[in-house]
């Protein structure tokens, strides 16, 4: 019996298809200049905690055997924990793969 794969356009475009309740986030660029105009070197920049969902898995597999619908979708802007997820580099671009539960909030 062959399984039918469901791929979103974005997931196939970046080459990452997350599983279960995982999402792929493209982090925003870190601030390079402070509010006072001081240019920050790379070592002093804080890790971004904000980004956009570029791919999302089908949802968590529940005990009943059904999939729980994810609360986030491709294109949502989100806030996540500073050290959440795993950083990966694909085709020269950096992404963070994390569980949906690591996302703190959606940004409107």
PDB file of N, CA and C in Angstrom:
ATOM      1  N   UNK A   1       0.847  -1.164   0.000  1.00  0.00           N
ATOM      2  CA  UNK A   1       0.000   0.000   0.000  1.00  0.00           C
ATOM      3  C   UNK A   1       0.897   1.233   0.000  1.00  0.00           C
ATOM      4  N   UNK A   2       0.733   2.107  -0.969  1.00  0.00           N
ATOM      5  CA  UNK A   2       1.562   3.309  -1.095  1.00  0.00           C
ATOM      6  C   UNK A   2       0.929   4.453  -0.316  1.00  0.00           C
ATOM      7  N   UNK A   3       1.776   5.194   0.380  1.00  0.00           N
ATOM      8  CA  UNK A   3       1.306   6.356   1.124  1.00  0.00           C
ATOM      9  C   UNK A   3       1.344   7.569   0.222  1.00  0.00           C
ATOM     10  N   UNK A   4       0.322   8.383   0.296  1.00  0.00           N
ATOM     11  CA  UNK A   4       0.290   9.612  -0.479  1.00  0.00           C
ATOM     12  C   UNK A   4       0.879  10.731   0.366  1.00  0.00           C
ATOM     13  N   UNK A   5       1.891  11.380  -0.156  1.00  0.00           N
ATOM     14  CA  UNK A   5       2.530  12.472   0.573  1.00  0.00           C
ATOM     15  C   UNK A   5       1.832  13.774   0.251  1.00  0.00           C
ATOM     16  N   UNK A   6       1.644  14.604   1.274  1.00  0.00           N
ATOM     17  CA  UNK A   6       1.078  15.921   1.045  1.00  0.00           C
ATOM     18  C   UNK A   6       2.165  16.951   1.325  1.00  0.00           C
ATOM     19  N   UNK A   7       2.510  17.680   0.305  1.00  0.00           N
ATOM     20  CA  UNK A   7       3.556  18.689   0.447  1.00  0.00           C
ATOM     21  C   UNK A   7       2.972  20.057   0.166  1.00  0.00           C
ATOM     22  N   UNK A   8       3.320  21.021   1.004  1.00  0.00           N
ATOM     23  CA  UNK A   8       2.927  22.386   0.697  1.00  0.00           C
ATOM     24  C   UNK A   8       3.942  22.944  -0.279  1.00  0.00           C
ATOM     25  N   UNK A   9       3.553  23.956  -1.028  1.00  0.00           N
ATOM     26  CA  UNK A   9       4.461  24.550  -2.005  1.00  0.00           C
ATOM     27  C   UNK A   9       5.706  25.097  -1.336  1.00  0.00           C
ATOM     28  N   UNK A  10       5.541  25.741  -0.190  1.00  0.00           N
ATOM     29  CA  UNK A  10       6.684  26.321   0.519  1.00  0.00           C
ATOM     30  C   UNK A  10       7.642  25.240   0.996  1.00  0.00           C
ATOM     31  N   UNK A  11       7.117  24.128   1.526  1.00  0.00           N
ATOM     32  CA  UNK A  11       7.979  23.067   2.051  1.00  0.00           C
ATOM     33  C   UNK A  11       8.852  22.495   0.949  1.00  0.00           C
ATOM     34  N   UNK A  12       8.281  22.248  -0.221  1.00  0.00           N
ATOM     35  CA  UNK A  12       9.070  21.698  -1.309  1.00  0.00           C
ATOM     36  C   UNK A  12      10.038  22.738  -1.851  1.00  0.00           C
ATOM     37  N   UNK A  13       9.690  23.994  -1.752  1.00  0.00           N
ATOM     38  CA  UNK A  13      10.550  25.069  -2.250  1.00  0.00           C
ATOM     39  C   UNK A  13      11.829  25.181  -1.425  1.00  0.00           C
ATOM     40  N   UNK A  14      11.736  25.025  -0.103  1.00  0.00           N
ATOM     41  CA  UNK A  14      12.932  25.131   0.738  1.00  0.00           C
ATOM     42  C   UNK A  14      13.609  23.791   0.947  1.00  0.00           C
ATOM     43  N   UNK A  15      12.948  22.704   0.575  1.00  0.00           N
ATOM     44  CA  UNK A  15      13.556  21.386   0.682  1.00  0.00           C
ATOM     45  C   UNK A  15      13.439  20.747   2.049  1.00  0.00           C
ATOM     46  N   UNK A  16      12.570  21.251   2.902  1.00  0.00           N
ATOM     47  CA  UNK A  16      12.362  20.684   4.240  1.00  0.00           C
ATOM     48  C   UNK A  16      10.873  20.422   4.417  1.00  0.00           C
ATOM     49  N   UNK A  17      10.524  19.200   4.786  1.00  0.00           N
ATOM     50  CA  UNK A  17       9.138  18.869   5.088  1.00  0.00           C
ATOM     51  C   UNK A  17       9.076  18.386   6.531  1.00  0.00           C
ATOM     52  N   UNK A  18       8.616  19.238   7.456  1.00  0.00           N
ATOM     53  CA  UNK A  18       8.583  18.841   8.865  1.00  0.00           C
ATOM     54  C   UNK A  18       7.557  17.746   9.137  1.00  0.00           C
ATOM     55  N   UNK A  19       7.840  16.944  10.154  1.00  0.00           N
ATOM     56  CA  UNK A  19       6.957  15.853  10.543  1.00  0.00           C
ATOM     57  C   UNK A  19       6.156  16.223  11.783  1.00  0.00           C
ATOM     58  N   UNK A  20       5.051  15.538  11.975  1.00  0.00           N
ATOM     59  CA  UNK A  20       4.185  15.687  13.151  1.00  0.00           C
ATOM     60  C   UNK A  20       3.880  17.147  13.473  1.00  0.00           C
ATOM     61  N   UNK A  21       4.171  17.568  14.716  1.00  0.00           N
ATOM     62  CA  UNK A  21       3.817  18.921  15.151  1.00  0.00           C
ATOM     63  C   UNK A  21       5.000  19.881  15.037  1.00  0.00           C
ATOM     64  N   UNK A  22       5.942  19.579  14.162  1.00  0.00           N
ATOM     65  CA  UNK A  22       7.101  20.459  13.995  1.00  0.00           C
ATOM     66  C   UNK A  22       6.836  21.501  12.912  1.00  0.00           C
ATOM     67  N   UNK A  23       7.514  22.638  13.044  1.00  0.00           N
ATOM     68  CA  UNK A  23       7.417  23.718  12.069  1.00  0.00           C
ATOM     69  C   UNK A  23       8.819  24.187  11.714  1.00  0.00           C
ATOM     70  N   UNK A  24       8.952  24.778  10.535  1.00  0.00           N
ATOM     71  CA  UNK A  24      10.211  25.376  10.108  1.00  0.00           C
ATOM     72  C   UNK A  24      10.000  26.883  10.113  1.00  0.00           C
ATOM     73  N   UNK A  25      10.871  27.585  10.857  1.00  0.00           N
ATOM     74  CA  UNK A  25      10.765  29.028  10.997  1.00  0.00           C
ATOM     75  C   UNK A  25      11.980  29.688  10.359  1.00  0.00           C
ATOM     76  N   UNK A  26      11.735  30.739   9.587  1.00  0.00           N
ATOM     77  CA  UNK A  26      12.820  31.561   9.052  1.00  0.00           C
ATOM     78  C   UNK A  26      12.976  32.744  10.012  1.00  0.00           C
ATOM     79  N   UNK A  27      14.072  32.768  10.798  1.00  0.00           N
ATOM     80  CA  UNK A  27      14.233  33.836  11.784  1.00  0.00           C
ATOM     81  C   UNK A  27      14.461  35.196  11.123  1.00  0.00           C
ATOM     82  N   UNK A  28      13.990  36.249  11.806  1.00  0.00           N
ATOM     83  CA  UNK A  28      14.271  37.609  11.347  1.00  0.00           C
ATOM     84  C   UNK A  28      15.742  37.905  11.565  1.00  0.00           C
ATOM     85  N   UNK A  29      16.256  38.829  10.818  1.00  0.00           N
ATOM     86  CA  UNK A  29      17.646  39.228  10.990  1.00  0.00           C
ATOM     87  C   UNK A  29      17.826  39.900  12.345  1.00  0.00           C
ATOM     88  N   UNK A  30      18.972  39.657  12.985  1.00  0.00           N
ATOM     89  CA  UNK A  30      19.282  40.275  14.271  1.00  0.00           C
ATOM     90  C   UNK A  30      19.560  41.762  14.063  1.00  0.00           C
ATOM     91  N   UNK A  31      19.236  42.541  15.065  1.00  0.00           N
ATOM     92  CA  UNK A  31      19.484  43.986  15.019  1.00  0.00           C
ATOM     93  C   UNK A  31      20.973  44.251  14.877  1.00  0.00           C
ATOM     94  N   UNK A  32      21.349  45.142  13.953  1.00  0.00           N
ATOM     95  CA  UNK A  32      22.752  45.483  13.762  1.00  0.00           C
ATOM     96  C   UNK A  32      23.108  46.820  14.392  1.00  0.00           C
ATOM     97  N   UNK A  33      22.094  47.649  14.642  1.00  0.00           N
ATOM     98  CA  UNK A  33      22.323  48.968  15.223  1.00  0.00           C
ATOM     99  C   UNK A  33      21.366  49.136  16.402  1.00  0.00           C
ATOM    100  N   UNK A  34      21.880  49.629  17.529  1.00  0.00           N
ATOM    101  CA  UNK A  34      21.030  49.862  18.698  1.00  0.00           C
ATOM    102  C   UNK A  34      20.184  51.109  18.482  1.00  0.00           C
ATOM    103  N   UNK A  35      19.233  51.331  19.390  1.00  0.00           N
ATOM    104  CA  UNK A  35      18.384  52.520  19.308  1.00  0.00           C
ATOM    105  C   UNK A  35      19.217  53.793  19.392  1.00  0.00           C
ATOM    106  N   UNK A  36      20.362  53.728  20.075  1.00  0.00           N
ATOM    107  CA  UNK A  36      21.240  54.898  20.212  1.00  0.00           C
ATOM    108  C   UNK A  36      22.186  55.079  19.034  1.00  0.00           C
ATOM    109  N   UNK A  37      22.132  54.162  18.039  1.00  0.00           N
ATOM    110  CA  UNK A  37      22.953  54.306  16.850  1.00  0.00           C
ATOM    111  C   UNK A  37      24.278  53.564  16.900  1.00  0.00           C
ATOM    112  N   UNK A  38      24.508  52.738  17.919  1.00  0.00           N
ATOM    113  CA  UNK A  38      25.766  51.998  18.038  1.00  0.00           C
ATOM    114  C   UNK A  38      25.679  50.739  17.173  1.00  0.00           C
ATOM    115  N   UNK A  39      26.681  50.527  16.316  1.00  0.00           N
ATOM    116  CA  UNK A  39      26.719  49.350  15.453  1.00  0.00           C
ATOM    117  C   UNK A  39      27.248  48.173  16.271  1.00  0.00           C
ATOM    118  N   UNK A  40      26.501  47.066  16.249  1.00  0.00           N
ATOM    119  CA  UNK A  40      26.867  45.886  17.025  1.00  0.00           C
ATOM    120  C   UNK A  40      27.686  44.901  16.191  1.00  0.00           C
ATOM    121  N   UNK A  41      28.774  44.359  16.750  1.00  0.00           N
ATOM    122  CA  UNK A  41      29.499  43.299  16.052  1.00  0.00           C
ATOM    123  C   UNK A  41      28.696  42.003  16.131  1.00  0.00           C
ATOM    124  N   UNK A  42      29.025  41.030  15.274  1.00  0.00           N
ATOM    125  CA  UNK A  42      28.285  39.758  15.245  1.00  0.00           C
ATOM    126  C   UNK A  42      28.233  39.074  16.600  1.00  0.00           C
ATOM    127  N   UNK A  43      29.314  39.122  17.364  1.00  0.00           N
ATOM    128  CA  UNK A  43      29.371  38.438  18.656  1.00  0.00           C
ATOM    129  C   UNK A  43      28.419  39.053  19.677  1.00  0.00           C
ATOM    130  N   UNK A  44      28.070  40.313  19.528  1.00  0.00           N
ATOM    131  CA  UNK A  44      27.220  40.993  20.504  1.00  0.00           C
ATOM    132  C   UNK A  44      25.739  40.941  20.138  1.00  0.00           C
ATOM    133  N   UNK A  45      25.417  40.475  18.953  1.00  0.00           N
ATOM    134  CA  UNK A  45      24.015  40.430  18.530  1.00  0.00           C
ATOM    135  C   UNK A  45      23.276  39.343  19.290  1.00  0.00           C
ATOM    136  N   UNK A  46      22.028  39.652  19.665  1.00  0.00           N
ATOM    137  CA  UNK A  46      21.195  38.653  20.343  1.00  0.00           C
ATOM    138  C   UNK A  46      20.558  37.749  19.304  1.00  0.00           C
ATOM    139  N   UNK A  47      20.317  36.500  19.706  1.00  0.00           N
ATOM    140  CA  UNK A  47      19.624  35.579  18.809  1.00  0.00           C
ATOM    141  C   UNK A  47      18.207  36.095  18.592  1.00  0.00           C
ATOM    142  N   UNK A  48      17.737  36.055  17.357  1.00  0.00           N
ATOM    143  CA  UNK A  48      16.357  36.500  17.122  1.00  0.00           C
ATOM    144  C   UNK A  48      15.363  35.567  17.798  1.00  0.00           C
ATOM    145  N   UNK A  49      14.250  36.115  18.230  1.00  0.00           N
ATOM    146  CA  UNK A  49      13.201  35.316  18.867  1.00  0.00           C
ATOM    147  C   UNK A  49      11.908  35.453  18.077  1.00  0.00           C
ATOM    148  N   UNK A  50      12.032  35.887  16.864  1.00  0.00           N
ATOM    149  CA  UNK A  50      10.892  36.189  16.037  1.00  0.00           C
ATOM    150  C   UNK A  50      11.156  35.676  14.625  1.00  0.00           C
ATOM    151  N   UNK A  51      10.130  35.196  13.956  1.00  0.00           N
ATOM    152  CA  UNK A  51      10.325  34.719  12.602  1.00  0.00           C
ATOM    153  C   UNK A  51       9.012  34.386  11.932  1.00  0.00           C
ATOM    154  N   UNK A  52       9.118  33.856  10.718  1.00  0.00           N
ATOM    155  CA  UNK A  52       7.943  33.498   9.932  1.00  0.00           C
ATOM    156  C   UNK A  52       7.952  31.993   9.670  1.00  0.00           C
ATOM    157  N   UNK A  53       6.776  31.386   9.766  1.00  0.00           N
ATOM    158  CA  UNK A  53       6.624  29.958   9.488  1.00  0.00           C
ATOM    159  C   UNK A  53       6.730  29.766   7.971  1.00  0.00           C
ATOM    160  N   UNK A  54       7.653  28.915   7.537  1.00  0.00           N
ATOM    161  CA  UNK A  54       7.802  28.639   6.106  1.00  0.00           C
ATOM    162  C   UNK A  54       7.349  27.227   5.742  1.00  0.00           C
ATOM    163  N   UNK A  55       7.189  26.355   6.732  1.00  0.00           N
ATOM    164  CA  UNK A  55       6.658  25.011   6.512  1.00  0.00           C
ATOM    165  C   UNK A  55       6.118  24.484   7.836  1.00  0.00           C
ATOM    166  N   UNK A  56       5.048  23.709   7.762  1.00  0.00           N
ATOM    167  CA  UNK A  56       4.443  23.137   8.971  1.00  0.00           C
ATOM    168  C   UNK A  56       4.075  21.683   8.721  1.00  0.00           C
ATOM    169  N   UNK A  57       4.254  20.866   9.752  1.00  0.00           N
ATOM    170  CA  UNK A  57       3.894  19.457   9.662  1.00  0.00           C
ATOM    171  C   UNK A  57       2.385  19.273   9.714  1.00  0.00           C
ATOM    172  N   UNK A  58       1.921  18.038   9.549  1.00  0.00           N
ATOM    173  CA  UNK A  58       0.485  17.765   9.511  1.00  0.00           C
ATOM    174  C   UNK A  58      -0.216  17.862  10.869  1.00  0.00           C
ATOM    175  N   UNK A  59       0.520  17.926  11.959  1.00  0.00           N
ATOM    176  CA  UNK A  59      -0.079  18.000  13.291  1.00  0.00           C
ATOM    177  C   UNK A  59       0.313  16.802  14.126  1.00  0.00           C
ATOM    178  N   UNK A  60       0.131  16.938  15.428  1.00  0.00           N
ATOM    179  CA  UNK A  60       0.515  15.884  16.371  1.00  0.00           C
ATOM    180  C   UNK A  60      -0.431  14.692  16.253  1.00  0.00           C
ATOM    181  N   UNK A  61       0.146  13.503  16.317  1.00  0.00           N
ATOM    182  CA  UNK A  61      -0.659  12.279  16.289  1.00  0.00           C
ATOM    183  C   UNK A  61      -1.232  12.052  17.687  1.00  0.00           C
ATOM    184  N   UNK A  62      -2.543  12.036  17.791  1.00  0.00           N
ATOM    185  CA  UNK A  62      -3.221  11.875  19.075  1.00  0.00           C
ATOM    186  C   UNK A  62      -3.365  10.398  19.427  1.00  0.00           C
ATOM    187  N   UNK A  63      -3.688  10.104  20.687  1.00  0.00           N
ATOM    188  CA  UNK A  63      -3.871   8.725  21.141  1.00  0.00           C
ATOM    189  C   UNK A  63      -4.976   8.005  20.371  1.00  0.00           C
ATOM    190  N   UNK A  64      -5.953   8.760  19.875  1.00  0.00           N
ATOM    191  CA  UNK A  64      -7.068   8.175  19.122  1.00  0.00           C
ATOM    192  C   UNK A  64      -6.650   7.772  17.706  1.00  0.00           C
ATOM    193  N   UNK A  65      -5.440   8.145  17.290  1.00  0.00           N
ATOM    194  CA  UNK A  65      -4.968   7.826  15.943  1.00  0.00           C
ATOM    195  C   UNK A  65      -5.214   8.929  14.937  1.00  0.00           C
ATOM    196  N   UNK A  66      -5.916   9.975  15.376  1.00  0.00           N
ATOM    197  CA  UNK A  66      -6.178  11.120  14.499  1.00  0.00           C
ATOM    198  C   UNK A  66      -5.088  12.161  14.672  1.00  0.00           C
ATOM    199  N   UNK A  67      -5.021  13.089  13.741  1.00  0.00           N
ATOM    200  CA  UNK A  67      -4.049  14.184  13.822  1.00  0.00           C
ATOM    201  C   UNK A  67      -4.728  15.424  14.390  1.00  0.00           C
ATOM    202  N   UNK A  68      -4.071  16.058  15.358  1.00  0.00           N
ATOM    203  CA  UNK A  68      -4.555  17.328  15.882  1.00  0.00           C
ATOM    204  C   UNK A  68      -4.151  18.439  14.925  1.00  0.00           C
ATOM    205  N   UNK A  69      -5.065  19.314  14.592  1.00  0.00           N
ATOM    206  CA  UNK A  69      -4.774  20.393  13.647  1.00  0.00           C
ATOM    207  C   UNK A  69      -3.799  21.386  14.278  1.00  0.00           C
ATOM    208  N   UNK A  70      -2.760  21.796  13.547  1.00  0.00           N
ATOM    209  CA  UNK A  70      -1.813  22.774  14.098  1.00  0.00           C
ATOM    210  C   UNK A  70      -2.467  24.152  14.257  1.00  0.00           C
ATOM    211  N   UNK A  71      -1.986  24.921  15.241  1.00  0.00           N
ATOM    212  CA  UNK A  71      -2.512  26.261  15.493  1.00  0.00           C
ATOM    213  C   UNK A  71      -1.847  27.316  14.616  1.00  0.00           C
ATOM    214  N   UNK A  72      -0.734  26.962  13.970  1.00  0.00           N
ATOM    215  CA  UNK A  72      -0.032  27.919  13.110  1.00  0.00           C
ATOM    216  C   UNK A  72      -0.022  27.401  11.675  1.00  0.00           C
ATOM    217  N   UNK A  73       0.127  28.327  10.738  1.00  0.00           N
ATOM    218  CA  UNK A  73       0.153  27.983   9.323  1.00  0.00           C
ATOM    219  C   UNK A  73       1.338  28.661   8.661  1.00  0.00           C
ATOM    220  N   UNK A  74       1.642  28.230   7.448  1.00  0.00           N
ATOM    221  CA  UNK A  74       2.694  28.865   6.669  1.00  0.00           C
ATOM    222  C   UNK A  74       2.335  30.336   6.478  1.00  0.00           C
ATOM    223  N   UNK A  75       3.291  31.201   6.732  1.00  0.00           N
ATOM    224  CA  UNK A  75       3.080  32.639   6.580  1.00  0.00           C
ATOM    225  C   UNK A  75       2.859  33.368   7.904  1.00  0.00           C
ATOM    226  N   UNK A  76       2.529  32.649   8.985  1.00  0.00           N
ATOM    227  CA  UNK A  76       2.320  33.292  10.289  1.00  0.00           C
ATOM    228  C   UNK A  76       3.640  33.821  10.844  1.00  0.00           C
ATOM    229  N   UNK A  77       3.592  34.993  11.468  1.00  0.00           N
ATOM    230  CA  UNK A  77       4.741  35.531  12.199  1.00  0.00           C
ATOM    231  C   UNK A  77       4.606  35.079  13.640  1.00  0.00           C
ATOM    232  N   UNK A  78       5.700  34.590  14.222  1.00  0.00           N
ATOM    233  CA  UNK A  78       5.633  34.032  15.564  1.00  0.00           C
ATOM    234  C   UNK A  78       6.785  34.500  16.443  1.00  0.00           C
ATOM    235  N   UNK A  79       6.567  34.401  17.759  1.00  0.00           N
ATOM    236  CA  UNK A  79       7.608  34.598  18.765  1.00  0.00           C
ATOM    237  C   UNK A  79       7.925  33.236  19.348  1.00  0.00           C
ATOM    238  N   UNK A  80       9.203  32.951  19.569  1.00  0.00           N
ATOM    239  CA  UNK A  80       9.592  31.664  20.140  1.00  0.00           C
ATOM    240  C   UNK A  80      10.706  31.866  21.148  1.00  0.00           C
ATOM    241  N   UNK A  81      10.955  30.856  21.965  1.00  0.00           N
ATOM    242  CA  UNK A  81      11.983  30.937  22.989  1.00  0.00           C
ATOM    243  C   UNK A  81      13.372  31.135  22.390  1.00  0.00           C
ATOM    244  N   UNK A  82      14.221  31.830  23.106  1.00  0.00           N
ATOM    245  CA  UNK A  82      15.556  32.170  22.618  1.00  0.00           C
ATOM    246  C   UNK A  82      16.365  30.943  22.191  1.00  0.00           C
ATOM    247  N   UNK A  83      16.248  29.857  22.923  1.00  0.00           N
ATOM    248  CA  UNK A  83      17.036  28.665  22.617  1.00  0.00           C
ATOM    249  C   UNK A  83      16.159  27.509  22.139  1.00  0.00           C
ATOM    250  N   UNK A  84      14.989  27.819  21.599  1.00  0.00           N
ATOM    251  CA  UNK A  84      14.059  26.793  21.121  1.00  0.00           C
ATOM    252  C   UNK A  84      14.518  26.231  19.781  1.00  0.00           C
ATOM    253  N   UNK A  85      14.243  24.970  19.575  1.00  0.00           N
ATOM    254  CA  UNK A  85      14.456  24.352  18.280  1.00  0.00           C
ATOM    255  C   UNK A  85      15.896  24.042  17.924  1.00  0.00           C
ATOM    256  N   UNK A  86      16.067  23.593  16.689  1.00  0.00           N
ATOM    257  CA  UNK A  86      17.364  23.226  16.151  1.00  0.00           C
ATOM    258  C   UNK A  86      17.638  24.067  14.921  1.00  0.00           C
ATOM    259  N   UNK A  87      18.793  24.713  14.904  1.00  0.00           N
ATOM    260  CA  UNK A  87      19.151  25.555  13.761  1.00  0.00           C
ATOM    261  C   UNK A  87      19.731  24.682  12.656  1.00  0.00           C
ATOM    262  N   UNK A  88      19.254  24.894  11.424  1.00  0.00           N
ATOM    263  CA  UNK A  88      19.763  24.170  10.260  1.00  0.00           C
ATOM    264  C   UNK A  88      20.025  25.167   9.140  1.00  0.00           C
ATOM    265  N   UNK A  89      20.931  24.794   8.256  1.00  0.00           N
ATOM    266  CA  UNK A  89      21.242  25.635   7.106  1.00  0.00           C
ATOM    267  C   UNK A  89      20.956  24.825   5.852  1.00  0.00           C
ATOM    268  N   UNK A  90      20.090  25.347   4.988  1.00  0.00           N
ATOM    269  CA  UNK A  90      19.726  24.678   3.742  1.00  0.00           C
ATOM    270  C   UNK A  90      19.899  25.671   2.604  1.00  0.00           C
ATOM    271  N   UNK A  91      20.712  25.297   1.628  1.00  0.00           N
ATOM    272  CA  UNK A  91      20.968  26.147   0.459  1.00  0.00           C
ATOM    273  C   UNK A  91      21.423  27.545   0.873  1.00  0.00           C
ATOM    274  N   UNK A  92      22.266  27.613   1.905  1.00  0.00           N
ATOM    275  CA  UNK A  92      22.827  28.888   2.340  1.00  0.00           C
ATOM    276  C   UNK A  92      21.914  29.741   3.200  1.00  0.00           C
ATOM    277  N   UNK A  93      20.718  29.276   3.498  1.00  0.00           N
ATOM    278  CA  UNK A  93      19.770  30.024   4.329  1.00  0.00           C
ATOM    279  C   UNK A  93      19.580  29.322   5.658  1.00  0.00           C
ATOM    280  N   UNK A  94      19.465  30.106   6.728  1.00  0.00           N
ATOM    281  CA  UNK A  94      19.298  29.518   8.054  1.00  0.00           C
ATOM    282  C   UNK A  94      17.821  29.429   8.432  1.00  0.00           C
ATOM    283  N   UNK A  95      17.462  28.281   9.030  1.00  0.00           N
ATOM    284  CA  UNK A  95      16.114  28.029   9.508  1.00  0.00           C
ATOM    285  C   UNK A  95      16.195  27.429  10.902  1.00  0.00           C
ATOM    286  N   UNK A  96      15.076  27.465  11.617  1.00  0.00           N
ATOM    287  CA  UNK A  96      14.972  26.815  12.916  1.00  0.00           C
ATOM    288  C   UNK A  96      13.805  25.836  12.832  1.00  0.00           C
ATOM    289  N   UNK A  97      14.077  24.562  13.180  1.00  0.00           N
ATOM    290  CA  UNK A  97      13.018  23.554  13.225  1.00  0.00           C
ATOM    291  C   UNK A  97      12.669  23.340  14.691  1.00  0.00           C
ATOM    292  N   UNK A  98      11.386  23.494  15.012  1.00  0.00           N
ATOM    293  CA  UNK A  98      10.954  23.368  16.407  1.00  0.00           C
ATOM    294  C   UNK A  98       9.570  22.747  16.477  1.00  0.00           C
ATOM    295  N   UNK A  99       9.227  22.295  17.668  1.00  0.00           N
ATOM    296  CA  UNK A  99       7.880  21.793  17.912  1.00  0.00           C
ATOM    297  C   UNK A  99       6.934  22.992  18.010  1.00  0.00           C
ATOM    298  N   UNK A 100       5.708  22.764  17.652  1.00  0.00           N
ATOM    299  CA  UNK A 100       4.709  23.830  17.736  1.00  0.00           C
ATOM    300  C   UNK A 100       4.581  24.352  19.169  1.00  0.00           C
ATOM    301  N   UNK A 101       4.791  23.475  20.152  1.00  0.00           N
ATOM    302  CA  UNK A 101       4.671  23.876  21.554  1.00  0.00           C
ATOM    303  C   UNK A 101       5.783  24.831  21.995  1.00  0.00           C
ATOM    304  N   UNK A 102       6.887  24.925  21.209  1.00  0.00           N
ATOM    305  CA  UNK A 102       7.967  25.878  21.520  1.00  0.00           C
ATOM    306  C   UNK A 102       7.624  27.299  21.100  1.00  0.00           C
ATOM    307  N   UNK A 103       6.549  27.465  20.322  1.00  0.00           N
ATOM    308  CA  UNK A 103       6.130  28.793  19.890  1.00  0.00           C
ATOM    309  C   UNK A 103       5.345  29.446  21.018  1.00  0.00           C
ATOM    310  N   UNK A 104       5.749  30.663  21.360  1.00  0.00           N
ATOM    311  CA  UNK A 104       5.121  31.362  22.483  1.00  0.00           C
ATOM    312  C   UNK A 104       3.871  32.115  22.066  1.00  0.00           C
ATOM    313  N   UNK A 105       3.882  32.734  20.863  1.00  0.00           N
ATOM    314  CA  UNK A 105       2.737  33.535  20.432  1.00  0.00           C
ATOM    315  C   UNK A 105       2.792  33.792  18.945  1.00  0.00           C
ATOM    316  N   UNK A 106       1.604  34.061  18.373  1.00  0.00           N
ATOM    317  CA  UNK A 106       1.512  34.529  16.979  1.00  0.00           C
ATOM    318  C   UNK A 106       1.492  36.051  17.028  1.00  0.00           C
ATOM    319  N   UNK A 107       2.102  36.670  16.031  1.00  0.00           N
ATOM    320  CA  UNK A 107       2.115  38.136  15.937  1.00  0.00           C
ATOM    321  C   UNK A 107       1.136  38.541  14.850  1.00  0.00           C
ATOM    322  N   UNK A 108       0.215  39.419  15.182  1.00  0.00           N
ATOM    323  CA  UNK A 108      -0.784  39.894  14.211  1.00  0.00           C
ATOM    324  C   UNK A 108      -0.211  40.986  13.359  1.00  0.00           C
TER     325      UNK A 108
END
